[in-house]
N, C-alpha and C. Protein backbone atom coordinates (compact mmCIF):
# COMPACT_ATOMS: atom_id res chain seq x y z
N UNK A 1 -5.26 -11.54 -19.78
CA UNK A 1 -5.73 -10.38 -19.02
C UNK A 1 -4.83 -9.18 -19.29
N UNK A 2 -5.44 -8.00 -19.37
CA UNK A 2 -4.71 -6.75 -19.44
C UNK A 2 -5.05 -5.91 -18.22
N UNK A 3 -4.02 -5.31 -17.65
CA UNK A 3 -4.19 -4.60 -16.38
C UNK A 3 -3.91 -3.11 -16.55
N UNK A 4 -4.74 -2.33 -15.89
CA UNK A 4 -4.56 -0.88 -15.84
C UNK A 4 -4.77 -0.46 -14.40
N UNK A 5 -3.78 0.27 -13.85
CA UNK A 5 -3.88 0.71 -12.45
C UNK A 5 -3.99 2.22 -12.39
N UNK A 6 -5.09 2.68 -11.81
CA UNK A 6 -5.27 4.10 -11.51
C UNK A 6 -4.67 4.32 -10.12
N UNK A 7 -3.69 5.21 -10.03
CA UNK A 7 -2.93 5.33 -8.79
C UNK A 7 -2.42 6.75 -8.63
N UNK A 8 -1.94 7.03 -7.42
CA UNK A 8 -1.26 8.30 -7.14
C UNK A 8 0.14 7.95 -6.65
N UNK A 9 1.12 8.69 -7.09
CA UNK A 9 2.52 8.29 -6.87
C UNK A 9 2.88 8.18 -5.40
N UNK A 10 2.32 9.04 -4.54
CA UNK A 10 2.68 9.03 -3.12
C UNK A 10 1.68 8.24 -2.27
N UNK A 11 0.65 7.71 -2.86
CA UNK A 11 -0.33 6.95 -2.10
C UNK A 11 0.27 5.63 -1.63
N UNK A 12 0.24 5.40 -0.32
CA UNK A 12 0.80 4.16 0.22
C UNK A 12 -0.02 2.95 -0.24
N UNK A 13 -1.33 3.12 -0.37
CA UNK A 13 -2.17 2.02 -0.86
C UNK A 13 -1.82 1.68 -2.31
N UNK A 14 -1.53 2.72 -3.11
CA UNK A 14 -1.12 2.48 -4.49
C UNK A 14 0.21 1.76 -4.54
N UNK A 15 1.15 2.16 -3.67
CA UNK A 15 2.47 1.52 -3.66
C UNK A 15 2.33 0.02 -3.36
N UNK A 16 1.47 -0.35 -2.44
CA UNK A 16 1.27 -1.77 -2.14
C UNK A 16 0.97 -2.56 -3.40
N UNK A 17 0.04 -2.04 -4.20
CA UNK A 17 -0.39 -2.76 -5.40
C UNK A 17 0.70 -2.74 -6.45
N UNK A 18 1.36 -1.60 -6.64
CA UNK A 18 2.46 -1.55 -7.60
C UNK A 18 3.54 -2.57 -7.25
N UNK A 19 3.83 -2.70 -5.97
CA UNK A 19 4.86 -3.64 -5.51
C UNK A 19 4.43 -5.08 -5.82
N UNK A 20 3.19 -5.40 -5.53
CA UNK A 20 2.70 -6.75 -5.82
C UNK A 20 2.77 -7.06 -7.31
N UNK A 21 2.39 -6.11 -8.14
CA UNK A 21 2.47 -6.30 -9.59
C UNK A 21 3.91 -6.53 -10.03
N UNK A 22 4.85 -5.82 -9.41
CA UNK A 22 6.26 -5.99 -9.75
C UNK A 22 6.76 -7.37 -9.32
N UNK A 23 6.39 -7.79 -8.11
CA UNK A 23 6.82 -9.10 -7.61
C UNK A 23 6.30 -10.22 -8.51
N UNK A 24 5.06 -10.10 -8.94
CA UNK A 24 4.44 -11.15 -9.76
C UNK A 24 4.69 -10.95 -11.26
N UNK A 25 5.49 -9.91 -11.57
CA UNK A 25 5.90 -9.65 -12.96
C UNK A 25 4.69 -9.55 -13.90
N UNK A 26 3.71 -8.76 -13.47
CA UNK A 26 2.50 -8.54 -14.25
C UNK A 26 2.62 -7.20 -14.97
N UNK A 27 2.54 -7.23 -16.29
CA UNK A 27 2.57 -6.00 -17.06
C UNK A 27 1.32 -5.17 -16.76
N UNK A 28 1.51 -3.88 -16.63
CA UNK A 28 0.39 -3.03 -16.24
C UNK A 28 0.56 -1.65 -16.86
N UNK A 29 -0.55 -1.05 -17.24
CA UNK A 29 -0.57 0.34 -17.69
C UNK A 29 -0.86 1.22 -16.47
N UNK A 30 -0.04 2.25 -16.30
CA UNK A 30 -0.16 3.12 -15.12
C UNK A 30 -0.90 4.39 -15.49
N UNK A 31 -2.00 4.66 -14.79
CA UNK A 31 -2.79 5.87 -15.04
C UNK A 31 -2.76 6.73 -13.77
N UNK A 32 -2.02 7.85 -13.79
CA UNK A 32 -1.95 8.68 -12.59
C UNK A 32 -3.26 9.43 -12.32
N UNK A 33 -3.64 9.47 -11.06
CA UNK A 33 -4.80 10.23 -10.61
C UNK A 33 -4.34 11.09 -9.43
N UNK A 34 -4.31 12.39 -9.62
CA UNK A 34 -3.82 13.26 -8.57
C UNK A 34 -4.86 13.37 -7.45
N UNK A 35 -4.35 13.31 -6.22
CA UNK A 35 -5.21 13.51 -5.05
C UNK A 35 -5.15 14.95 -4.55
N UNK A 36 -4.39 15.80 -5.24
CA UNK A 36 -4.19 17.17 -4.78
C UNK A 36 -5.04 18.18 -5.55
N UNK A 37 -5.77 17.69 -6.54
CA UNK A 37 -6.70 18.58 -7.25
C UNK A 37 -8.02 17.81 -7.43
N UNK A 38 -8.79 18.15 -8.40
CA UNK A 38 -10.11 17.54 -8.53
C UNK A 38 -10.12 16.26 -9.37
N UNK A 39 -8.95 15.75 -9.75
CA UNK A 39 -8.93 14.54 -10.59
C UNK A 39 -9.63 13.36 -9.91
N UNK A 40 -9.38 13.19 -8.62
CA UNK A 40 -9.97 12.04 -7.91
C UNK A 40 -11.47 12.19 -7.72
N UNK A 41 -11.98 13.42 -7.89
CA UNK A 41 -13.41 13.65 -7.76
C UNK A 41 -14.09 13.82 -9.12
N UNK A 42 -13.36 13.60 -10.17
CA UNK A 42 -13.94 13.69 -11.51
C UNK A 42 -14.98 12.59 -11.69
N UNK A 43 -16.08 12.86 -12.37
CA UNK A 43 -17.13 11.84 -12.56
C UNK A 43 -16.61 10.52 -13.13
N UNK A 44 -15.63 10.59 -14.03
CA UNK A 44 -15.08 9.35 -14.60
C UNK A 44 -14.44 8.49 -13.52
N UNK A 45 -13.69 9.15 -12.61
CA UNK A 45 -13.04 8.36 -11.55
C UNK A 45 -14.05 7.91 -10.51
N UNK A 46 -15.03 8.75 -10.21
CA UNK A 46 -16.05 8.35 -9.25
C UNK A 46 -16.89 7.18 -9.75
N UNK A 47 -16.96 7.02 -11.05
CA UNK A 47 -17.65 5.86 -11.60
C UNK A 47 -16.84 4.60 -11.33
N UNK A 48 -15.51 4.74 -11.33
CA UNK A 48 -14.66 3.59 -11.01
C UNK A 48 -14.67 3.32 -9.51
N UNK A 49 -14.59 4.37 -8.72
CA UNK A 49 -14.60 4.24 -7.26
C UNK A 49 -15.43 5.37 -6.68
N UNK A 50 -16.63 5.10 -6.19
CA UNK A 50 -17.50 6.15 -5.67
C UNK A 50 -16.90 6.95 -4.51
N UNK A 51 -15.90 6.40 -3.84
CA UNK A 51 -15.23 7.14 -2.77
C UNK A 51 -14.20 8.12 -3.30
N UNK A 52 -13.83 7.96 -4.56
CA UNK A 52 -12.83 8.85 -5.14
C UNK A 52 -11.40 8.52 -4.75
N UNK A 53 -11.18 7.33 -4.20
CA UNK A 53 -9.84 6.96 -3.73
C UNK A 53 -9.07 6.21 -4.81
N UNK A 54 -7.79 6.02 -4.55
CA UNK A 54 -6.94 5.13 -5.32
C UNK A 54 -6.33 4.12 -4.34
N UNK A 55 -5.90 2.97 -4.86
CA UNK A 55 -5.83 2.55 -6.25
C UNK A 55 -7.14 1.96 -6.74
N UNK A 56 -7.25 1.91 -8.07
CA UNK A 56 -8.32 1.17 -8.74
C UNK A 56 -7.66 0.31 -9.81
N UNK A 57 -7.96 -0.97 -9.80
CA UNK A 57 -7.42 -1.89 -10.80
C UNK A 57 -8.50 -2.23 -11.81
N UNK A 58 -8.18 -2.02 -13.07
CA UNK A 58 -9.08 -2.37 -14.17
C UNK A 58 -8.48 -3.57 -14.89
N UNK A 59 -9.28 -4.60 -15.07
CA UNK A 59 -8.82 -5.83 -15.69
C UNK A 59 -9.65 -6.12 -16.92
N UNK A 60 -9.01 -6.10 -18.10
CA UNK A 60 -9.68 -6.48 -19.34
C UNK A 60 -9.40 -7.95 -19.59
N UNK A 61 -10.46 -8.70 -19.81
CA UNK A 61 -10.33 -10.15 -19.87
C UNK A 61 -10.06 -10.69 -21.27
N UNK A 62 -10.01 -9.82 -22.28
CA UNK A 62 -9.82 -10.29 -23.64
C UNK A 62 -11.16 -10.68 -24.25
N UNK A 63 -11.11 -11.30 -25.41
CA UNK A 63 -12.35 -11.69 -26.07
C UNK A 63 -12.97 -10.50 -26.76
N UNK A 64 -14.25 -10.30 -26.60
CA UNK A 64 -14.96 -9.23 -27.28
C UNK A 64 -14.47 -7.86 -26.81
N UNK A 65 -14.23 -6.93 -27.75
CA UNK A 65 -13.80 -5.58 -27.34
C UNK A 65 -14.88 -4.83 -26.57
N UNK A 66 -16.12 -5.30 -26.66
CA UNK A 66 -17.23 -4.67 -25.94
C UNK A 66 -17.45 -5.24 -24.54
N UNK A 67 -16.62 -6.22 -24.18
CA UNK A 67 -16.77 -6.85 -22.87
C UNK A 67 -16.40 -5.85 -21.77
N UNK A 68 -17.25 -5.73 -20.78
CA UNK A 68 -17.00 -4.78 -19.68
C UNK A 68 -15.84 -5.26 -18.82
N UNK A 69 -14.84 -4.40 -18.59
CA UNK A 69 -13.71 -4.83 -17.76
C UNK A 69 -14.12 -4.97 -16.30
N UNK A 70 -13.37 -5.80 -15.59
CA UNK A 70 -13.54 -5.89 -14.15
C UNK A 70 -12.91 -4.65 -13.50
N UNK A 71 -13.56 -4.15 -12.47
CA UNK A 71 -13.04 -3.02 -11.71
C UNK A 71 -12.94 -3.43 -10.24
N UNK A 72 -11.76 -3.24 -9.66
CA UNK A 72 -11.56 -3.53 -8.25
C UNK A 72 -11.00 -2.31 -7.54
N UNK A 73 -11.59 -1.98 -6.39
CA UNK A 73 -11.06 -0.95 -5.52
C UNK A 73 -10.62 -1.61 -4.21
N UNK A 74 -10.01 -0.83 -3.34
CA UNK A 74 -9.50 -1.27 -2.04
C UNK A 74 -8.25 -2.14 -2.23
N UNK A 75 -7.13 -1.65 -1.73
CA UNK A 75 -5.85 -2.29 -2.02
C UNK A 75 -5.77 -3.73 -1.55
N UNK A 76 -6.31 -4.05 -0.38
CA UNK A 76 -6.19 -5.42 0.10
C UNK A 76 -7.04 -6.38 -0.75
N UNK A 77 -8.19 -5.93 -1.23
CA UNK A 77 -8.98 -6.76 -2.13
C UNK A 77 -8.22 -7.00 -3.44
N UNK A 78 -7.58 -5.96 -3.95
CA UNK A 78 -6.78 -6.10 -5.16
C UNK A 78 -5.63 -7.06 -4.93
N UNK A 79 -4.95 -6.94 -3.80
CA UNK A 79 -3.82 -7.82 -3.49
C UNK A 79 -4.26 -9.27 -3.38
N UNK A 80 -5.40 -9.51 -2.76
CA UNK A 80 -5.90 -10.88 -2.64
C UNK A 80 -6.26 -11.44 -4.02
N UNK A 81 -6.84 -10.61 -4.88
CA UNK A 81 -7.17 -11.03 -6.24
C UNK A 81 -5.90 -11.41 -7.01
N UNK A 82 -4.86 -10.58 -6.90
CA UNK A 82 -3.60 -10.90 -7.58
C UNK A 82 -2.98 -12.17 -7.03
N UNK A 83 -3.07 -12.35 -5.72
CA UNK A 83 -2.51 -13.56 -5.10
C UNK A 83 -3.23 -14.81 -5.58
N UNK A 84 -4.54 -14.74 -5.68
CA UNK A 84 -5.29 -15.92 -6.12
C UNK A 84 -5.14 -16.17 -7.62
N UNK A 85 -4.99 -15.10 -8.39
CA UNK A 85 -4.88 -15.25 -9.84
C UNK A 85 -3.47 -15.62 -10.27
N UNK A 86 -2.47 -15.16 -9.50
CA UNK A 86 -1.07 -15.43 -9.82
C UNK A 86 -0.39 -15.89 -8.53
N UNK A 87 -0.55 -17.16 -8.16
CA UNK A 87 -0.15 -17.63 -6.83
C UNK A 87 1.36 -17.57 -6.55
N UNK A 88 2.18 -17.54 -7.58
CA UNK A 88 3.62 -17.55 -7.36
C UNK A 88 4.28 -16.32 -7.98
N UNK A 89 5.24 -15.75 -7.28
CA UNK A 89 5.62 -16.04 -5.89
C UNK A 89 4.54 -15.59 -4.92
N UNK A 90 4.37 -16.36 -3.87
CA UNK A 90 3.26 -16.13 -2.96
C UNK A 90 3.53 -14.98 -2.00
N UNK A 91 2.51 -14.17 -1.80
CA UNK A 91 2.54 -13.11 -0.80
C UNK A 91 1.88 -13.54 0.50
N UNK A 92 1.33 -14.74 0.49
CA UNK A 92 0.69 -15.32 1.68
C UNK A 92 1.19 -16.76 1.85
N UNK A 93 2.48 -16.93 2.10
CA UNK A 93 3.03 -18.29 2.18
C UNK A 93 2.75 -18.97 3.52
N UNK A 94 2.98 -20.27 3.53
CA UNK A 94 2.89 -21.02 4.78
C UNK A 94 1.52 -21.58 5.06
N UNK A 95 1.36 -22.06 6.30
CA UNK A 95 0.11 -22.69 6.71
C UNK A 95 -0.92 -21.63 7.09
N UNK A 96 -2.09 -22.10 7.54
CA UNK A 96 -3.19 -21.19 7.83
C UNK A 96 -2.82 -20.18 8.92
N UNK A 97 -2.09 -20.64 9.94
CA UNK A 97 -1.72 -19.72 11.02
C UNK A 97 -0.73 -18.68 10.53
N UNK A 98 0.23 -19.09 9.71
CA UNK A 98 1.21 -18.14 9.19
C UNK A 98 0.54 -17.09 8.31
N UNK A 99 -0.42 -17.53 7.49
CA UNK A 99 -1.13 -16.58 6.63
C UNK A 99 -1.97 -15.62 7.48
N UNK A 100 -2.53 -16.12 8.57
CA UNK A 100 -3.29 -15.25 9.46
C UNK A 100 -2.39 -14.20 10.11
N UNK A 101 -1.17 -14.59 10.48
CA UNK A 101 -0.24 -13.62 11.07
C UNK A 101 0.11 -12.53 10.06
N UNK A 102 0.29 -12.93 8.81
CA UNK A 102 0.58 -11.95 7.76
C UNK A 102 -0.58 -10.97 7.63
N UNK A 103 -1.80 -11.50 7.56
CA UNK A 103 -2.97 -10.63 7.43
C UNK A 103 -3.14 -9.74 8.65
N UNK A 104 -2.84 -10.28 9.83
CA UNK A 104 -2.94 -9.49 11.06
C UNK A 104 -2.05 -8.26 10.99
N UNK A 105 -0.79 -8.45 10.61
CA UNK A 105 0.13 -7.33 10.52
C UNK A 105 -0.29 -6.35 9.43
N UNK A 106 -0.74 -6.89 8.30
CA UNK A 106 -1.19 -6.01 7.21
C UNK A 106 -2.35 -5.14 7.65
N UNK A 107 -3.28 -5.71 8.40
CA UNK A 107 -4.46 -4.95 8.81
C UNK A 107 -4.16 -3.91 9.87
N UNK A 108 -3.10 -4.12 10.66
CA UNK A 108 -2.70 -3.08 11.61
C UNK A 108 -2.41 -1.79 10.87
N UNK A 109 -1.77 -1.93 9.71
CA UNK A 109 -1.47 -0.75 8.89
C UNK A 109 -2.69 -0.33 8.08
N UNK A 110 -3.28 -1.28 7.37
CA UNK A 110 -4.35 -0.98 6.42
C UNK A 110 -5.60 -0.43 7.09
N UNK A 111 -5.94 -0.96 8.24
CA UNK A 111 -7.20 -0.57 8.90
C UNK A 111 -7.02 0.42 10.05
N UNK A 112 -5.93 0.27 10.80
CA UNK A 112 -5.81 0.99 12.06
C UNK A 112 -4.82 2.15 12.04
N UNK A 113 -4.05 2.28 10.97
CA UNK A 113 -3.01 3.31 10.94
C UNK A 113 -3.15 4.23 9.73
N UNK A 114 -3.01 3.70 8.55
CA UNK A 114 -2.97 4.51 7.34
C UNK A 114 -4.23 5.35 7.10
N UNK A 115 -5.45 4.81 7.29
CA UNK A 115 -6.63 5.63 6.99
C UNK A 115 -6.73 6.91 7.81
N UNK A 116 -6.17 6.90 9.02
CA UNK A 116 -6.27 8.07 9.88
C UNK A 116 -5.37 9.22 9.42
N UNK A 117 -4.49 8.94 8.46
CA UNK A 117 -3.62 10.00 7.93
C UNK A 117 -4.10 10.53 6.59
N UNK A 118 -5.19 9.95 6.05
CA UNK A 118 -5.69 10.46 4.78
C UNK A 118 -6.01 11.95 4.90
N UNK A 119 -5.64 12.73 3.89
CA UNK A 119 -5.87 14.18 3.98
C UNK A 119 -7.32 14.55 4.28
N UNK A 120 -8.28 13.80 3.72
CA UNK A 120 -9.68 14.17 3.97
C UNK A 120 -10.07 13.92 5.43
N UNK A 121 -9.39 13.00 6.10
CA UNK A 121 -9.64 12.78 7.53
C UNK A 121 -8.99 13.90 8.35
N UNK A 122 -7.71 14.16 8.07
CA UNK A 122 -6.98 15.15 8.86
C UNK A 122 -7.58 16.53 8.72
N UNK A 123 -8.05 16.85 7.51
CA UNK A 123 -8.66 18.17 7.29
C UNK A 123 -9.93 18.35 8.11
N UNK A 124 -10.61 17.26 8.41
CA UNK A 124 -11.82 17.35 9.24
C UNK A 124 -11.47 17.61 10.70
N UNK A 125 -10.23 17.26 11.07
CA UNK A 125 -9.81 17.43 12.46
C UNK A 125 -9.28 18.83 12.71
N UNK A 126 -8.43 19.32 11.81
CA UNK A 126 -7.80 20.62 12.01
C UNK A 126 -7.25 21.14 10.69
N UNK A 127 -7.12 22.44 10.61
CA UNK A 127 -6.46 23.06 9.46
C UNK A 127 -5.08 23.59 9.84
N UNK A 128 -4.71 23.46 11.11
CA UNK A 128 -3.44 23.96 11.60
C UNK A 128 -2.32 22.96 11.27
N UNK A 129 -1.28 23.37 10.53
CA UNK A 129 -0.22 22.44 10.13
C UNK A 129 0.46 21.74 11.30
N UNK A 130 0.70 22.44 12.39
CA UNK A 130 1.36 21.84 13.54
C UNK A 130 0.48 20.76 14.17
N UNK A 131 -0.82 21.03 14.24
CA UNK A 131 -1.73 20.04 14.81
C UNK A 131 -1.92 18.85 13.87
N UNK A 132 -1.87 19.11 12.56
CA UNK A 132 -1.93 18.00 11.60
C UNK A 132 -0.75 17.05 11.82
N UNK A 133 0.44 17.63 11.98
CA UNK A 133 1.63 16.80 12.20
C UNK A 133 1.50 16.03 13.50
N UNK A 134 1.03 16.68 14.55
CA UNK A 134 0.85 16.01 15.84
C UNK A 134 -0.14 14.85 15.72
N UNK A 135 -1.24 15.07 15.00
CA UNK A 135 -2.24 14.02 14.78
C UNK A 135 -1.62 12.83 14.05
N UNK A 136 -0.94 13.12 12.95
CA UNK A 136 -0.34 12.05 12.16
C UNK A 136 0.69 11.27 12.97
N UNK A 137 1.52 11.99 13.70
CA UNK A 137 2.56 11.32 14.48
C UNK A 137 1.96 10.41 15.54
N UNK A 138 0.89 10.86 16.17
CA UNK A 138 0.26 10.02 17.21
C UNK A 138 -0.20 8.70 16.63
N UNK A 139 -0.95 8.74 15.51
CA UNK A 139 -1.52 7.51 14.97
C UNK A 139 -0.48 6.63 14.29
N UNK A 140 0.52 7.25 13.68
CA UNK A 140 1.59 6.44 13.08
C UNK A 140 2.36 5.71 14.17
N UNK A 141 2.72 6.42 15.22
CA UNK A 141 3.47 5.78 16.31
C UNK A 141 2.65 4.66 16.96
N UNK A 142 1.37 4.89 17.13
CA UNK A 142 0.52 3.88 17.76
C UNK A 142 0.49 2.61 16.90
N UNK A 143 0.31 2.79 15.59
CA UNK A 143 0.26 1.65 14.70
C UNK A 143 1.59 0.93 14.59
N UNK A 144 2.67 1.69 14.46
CA UNK A 144 3.99 1.06 14.32
C UNK A 144 4.42 0.38 15.62
N UNK A 145 4.01 0.92 16.74
CA UNK A 145 4.32 0.24 18.02
C UNK A 145 3.64 -1.13 18.06
N UNK A 146 2.38 -1.19 17.65
CA UNK A 146 1.68 -2.48 17.65
C UNK A 146 2.33 -3.45 16.66
N UNK A 147 2.68 -2.94 15.48
CA UNK A 147 3.33 -3.80 14.48
C UNK A 147 4.66 -4.31 15.03
N UNK A 148 5.46 -3.41 15.59
CA UNK A 148 6.76 -3.77 16.16
C UNK A 148 6.62 -4.87 17.19
N UNK A 149 5.66 -4.71 18.09
CA UNK A 149 5.48 -5.68 19.18
C UNK A 149 5.15 -7.06 18.63
N UNK A 150 4.25 -7.13 17.66
CA UNK A 150 3.84 -8.43 17.13
C UNK A 150 4.86 -9.02 16.17
N UNK A 151 5.55 -8.17 15.43
CA UNK A 151 6.50 -8.68 14.43
C UNK A 151 7.76 -9.25 15.06
N UNK A 152 8.05 -8.90 16.29
CA UNK A 152 9.25 -9.43 16.94
C UNK A 152 9.28 -10.96 16.92
N UNK A 153 8.12 -11.59 17.01
CA UNK A 153 8.07 -13.05 17.08
C UNK A 153 7.97 -13.71 15.72
N UNK A 154 7.73 -12.93 14.67
CA UNK A 154 7.55 -13.52 13.34
C UNK A 154 8.62 -13.11 12.34
N UNK A 155 9.35 -12.05 12.63
CA UNK A 155 10.25 -11.47 11.65
C UNK A 155 11.49 -12.31 11.43
N UNK A 156 11.90 -12.36 10.16
CA UNK A 156 13.22 -12.80 9.78
C UNK A 156 13.89 -11.58 9.18
N UNK A 157 14.24 -11.67 7.90
CA UNK A 157 14.72 -10.49 7.20
C UNK A 157 13.58 -9.51 6.95
N UNK A 158 12.36 -10.06 6.90
CA UNK A 158 11.17 -9.25 6.65
C UNK A 158 10.14 -9.52 7.74
N UNK A 159 8.93 -9.06 7.55
CA UNK A 159 7.96 -9.05 8.65
C UNK A 159 7.58 -10.44 9.14
N UNK A 160 7.42 -11.37 8.21
CA UNK A 160 7.11 -12.77 8.56
C UNK A 160 8.07 -13.64 7.75
N UNK A 161 9.15 -14.03 8.38
CA UNK A 161 10.14 -14.82 7.66
C UNK A 161 11.04 -13.97 6.78
N UNK A 162 11.52 -14.59 5.71
CA UNK A 162 12.55 -13.96 4.87
C UNK A 162 12.07 -13.57 3.48
N UNK A 163 10.78 -13.73 3.20
CA UNK A 163 10.27 -13.36 1.88
C UNK A 163 9.21 -12.27 2.04
N UNK A 164 9.03 -11.49 0.97
CA UNK A 164 8.06 -10.40 0.99
C UNK A 164 6.65 -10.95 1.07
N UNK A 165 5.86 -10.41 1.99
CA UNK A 165 4.47 -10.82 2.15
C UNK A 165 3.58 -9.57 2.13
N UNK A 166 2.27 -9.80 2.23
CA UNK A 166 1.33 -8.68 2.31
C UNK A 166 1.66 -7.74 3.46
N UNK A 167 2.22 -8.30 4.54
CA UNK A 167 2.58 -7.45 5.68
C UNK A 167 3.62 -6.41 5.29
N UNK A 168 4.62 -6.81 4.52
CA UNK A 168 5.66 -5.87 4.10
C UNK A 168 5.12 -4.86 3.11
N UNK A 169 4.21 -5.31 2.22
CA UNK A 169 3.62 -4.40 1.25
C UNK A 169 2.85 -3.28 1.94
N UNK A 170 2.34 -3.55 3.13
CA UNK A 170 1.66 -2.50 3.90
C UNK A 170 2.65 -1.71 4.76
N UNK A 171 3.63 -2.39 5.33
CA UNK A 171 4.55 -1.74 6.27
C UNK A 171 5.46 -0.71 5.61
N UNK A 172 6.12 -1.08 4.53
CA UNK A 172 7.16 -0.22 3.97
C UNK A 172 6.59 1.12 3.49
N UNK A 173 5.45 1.15 2.78
CA UNK A 173 4.87 2.45 2.45
C UNK A 173 4.50 3.27 3.69
N UNK A 174 4.10 2.58 4.77
CA UNK A 174 3.79 3.31 6.00
C UNK A 174 5.06 3.90 6.61
N UNK A 175 6.17 3.20 6.47
CA UNK A 175 7.45 3.75 6.93
C UNK A 175 7.78 5.02 6.16
N UNK A 176 7.50 5.02 4.87
CA UNK A 176 7.69 6.22 4.04
C UNK A 176 6.88 7.38 4.61
N UNK A 177 5.64 7.11 4.98
CA UNK A 177 4.80 8.15 5.59
C UNK A 177 5.33 8.58 6.94
N UNK A 178 5.86 7.63 7.71
CA UNK A 178 6.43 7.98 9.01
C UNK A 178 7.59 8.96 8.85
N UNK A 179 8.47 8.68 7.91
CA UNK A 179 9.61 9.55 7.68
C UNK A 179 9.17 10.93 7.21
N UNK A 180 8.14 10.97 6.37
CA UNK A 180 7.61 12.26 5.90
C UNK A 180 7.01 13.06 7.06
N UNK A 181 6.58 12.35 8.10
CA UNK A 181 5.99 13.02 9.27
C UNK A 181 6.98 13.11 10.43
N UNK A 182 8.28 13.07 10.08
CA UNK A 182 9.36 13.37 11.02
C UNK A 182 9.43 12.37 12.18
N UNK A 183 9.13 11.12 11.89
CA UNK A 183 9.27 10.05 12.87
C UNK A 183 10.49 9.21 12.49
N UNK A 184 11.40 9.02 13.43
CA UNK A 184 12.59 8.23 13.19
C UNK A 184 12.27 6.75 13.34
N UNK A 185 12.64 5.96 12.36
CA UNK A 185 12.38 4.52 12.44
C UNK A 185 13.21 3.85 13.52
N UNK A 186 14.24 4.51 14.00
CA UNK A 186 15.04 3.95 15.09
C UNK A 186 14.22 3.75 16.36
N UNK A 187 13.05 4.39 16.43
CA UNK A 187 12.14 4.14 17.56
C UNK A 187 11.61 2.72 17.53
N UNK A 188 11.70 2.06 16.37
CA UNK A 188 11.12 0.73 16.17
C UNK A 188 12.19 -0.17 15.54
N UNK A 189 13.06 -0.76 16.36
CA UNK A 189 14.24 -1.47 15.82
C UNK A 189 13.91 -2.59 14.84
N UNK A 190 12.90 -3.38 15.12
CA UNK A 190 12.55 -4.48 14.21
C UNK A 190 12.06 -3.92 12.89
N UNK A 191 11.20 -2.92 12.95
CA UNK A 191 10.69 -2.30 11.73
C UNK A 191 11.82 -1.65 10.94
N UNK A 192 12.73 -0.97 11.61
CA UNK A 192 13.84 -0.32 10.90
C UNK A 192 14.68 -1.36 10.17
N UNK A 193 14.96 -2.49 10.81
CA UNK A 193 15.75 -3.54 10.17
C UNK A 193 15.04 -4.07 8.92
N UNK A 194 13.72 -4.29 9.03
CA UNK A 194 12.93 -4.76 7.89
C UNK A 194 12.94 -3.71 6.78
N UNK A 195 12.72 -2.47 7.17
CA UNK A 195 12.69 -1.37 6.20
C UNK A 195 14.02 -1.26 5.45
N UNK A 196 15.12 -1.29 6.18
CA UNK A 196 16.43 -1.13 5.55
C UNK A 196 16.72 -2.28 4.59
N UNK A 197 16.33 -3.48 4.96
CA UNK A 197 16.53 -4.63 4.06
C UNK A 197 15.68 -4.48 2.80
N UNK A 198 14.43 -4.06 2.97
CA UNK A 198 13.51 -3.97 1.83
C UNK A 198 13.95 -2.93 0.82
N UNK A 199 14.64 -1.88 1.28
CA UNK A 199 15.04 -0.81 0.37
C UNK A 199 15.94 -1.30 -0.75
N UNK A 200 16.63 -2.41 -0.54
CA UNK A 200 17.54 -2.94 -1.55
C UNK A 200 16.87 -3.94 -2.49
N UNK A 201 15.60 -4.26 -2.26
CA UNK A 201 14.90 -5.21 -3.12
C UNK A 201 14.48 -4.52 -4.41
N UNK A 202 14.77 -5.14 -5.54
CA UNK A 202 14.53 -4.51 -6.83
C UNK A 202 13.07 -4.15 -7.02
N UNK A 203 12.16 -5.04 -6.64
CA UNK A 203 10.73 -4.78 -6.85
C UNK A 203 10.24 -3.63 -5.97
N UNK A 204 10.85 -3.49 -4.80
CA UNK A 204 10.50 -2.37 -3.92
C UNK A 204 10.91 -1.06 -4.56
N UNK A 205 12.12 -1.01 -5.10
CA UNK A 205 12.61 0.21 -5.74
C UNK A 205 11.80 0.54 -6.99
N UNK A 206 11.42 -0.48 -7.76
CA UNK A 206 10.67 -0.24 -9.00
C UNK A 206 9.28 0.31 -8.73
N UNK A 207 8.72 0.01 -7.57
CA UNK A 207 7.34 0.41 -7.25
C UNK A 207 7.26 1.62 -6.33
N UNK A 208 8.39 2.10 -5.86
CA UNK A 208 8.43 3.18 -4.87
C UNK A 208 7.94 4.50 -5.46
N UNK A 209 7.55 5.43 -4.61
CA UNK A 209 7.05 6.72 -5.10
C UNK A 209 8.01 7.44 -6.04
N UNK A 210 9.30 7.38 -5.75
CA UNK A 210 10.28 8.10 -6.56
C UNK A 210 10.27 7.62 -8.02
N UNK A 211 9.92 6.36 -8.22
CA UNK A 211 9.88 5.82 -9.58
C UNK A 211 8.68 6.34 -10.37
N UNK A 212 7.69 6.90 -9.67
CA UNK A 212 6.47 7.38 -10.30
C UNK A 212 6.23 8.88 -10.08
N UNK A 213 7.24 9.55 -9.56
CA UNK A 213 7.11 10.99 -9.29
C UNK A 213 6.82 11.74 -10.61
N UNK A 214 5.83 12.59 -10.60
CA UNK A 214 5.53 13.35 -11.83
C UNK A 214 6.72 14.19 -12.27
N UNK A 215 6.95 14.23 -13.55
CA UNK A 215 8.05 15.02 -14.08
C UNK A 215 7.61 16.47 -14.20
N UNK A 216 8.48 17.37 -13.77
CA UNK A 216 8.14 18.79 -13.81
C UNK A 216 8.33 19.35 -15.22
């Protein structure tokens, strides 16, 4: 298989997938798609993802050069595909209940927190910068409070135990967004401890926005 990821450097959903690819040591070609101009709305990208979002994973299966590649959108679907295709190291370890707890925490971020900060959502609410910040802070705090409350019973060094899981792949990029929106992680002691530990992980650093920042 050959992998190509269409992504944006600051997209938290893109970071999740980049991190998973790094953990599983999967070689990938990186194709930047800017969300700040019309690149994400270009017909070529809309053919890959009709919503115009990132990330998009393209998988060439080998064999005939005319074979149509697989296209996957939605970060959690991509992460599940990578987990099933490359089971080790596992991002969903443990028994059925443990895996459900991981998915629960991941969905708090993926479904209930991060989408509400997407620029196309916030722009529909207000064009005032101060109100945009207030909106983002409200939903980030609400989501991180829920994550903090539930993670207290599952956390070790990371969100569920001591190894990186799907929950961390969703949490750490959201922490990045929290800091950009002037929220101190000290409000959430368990999350801050997890965040600080994750910052030293090589795969986290390799997949972080700074590693993919466009060169001026």
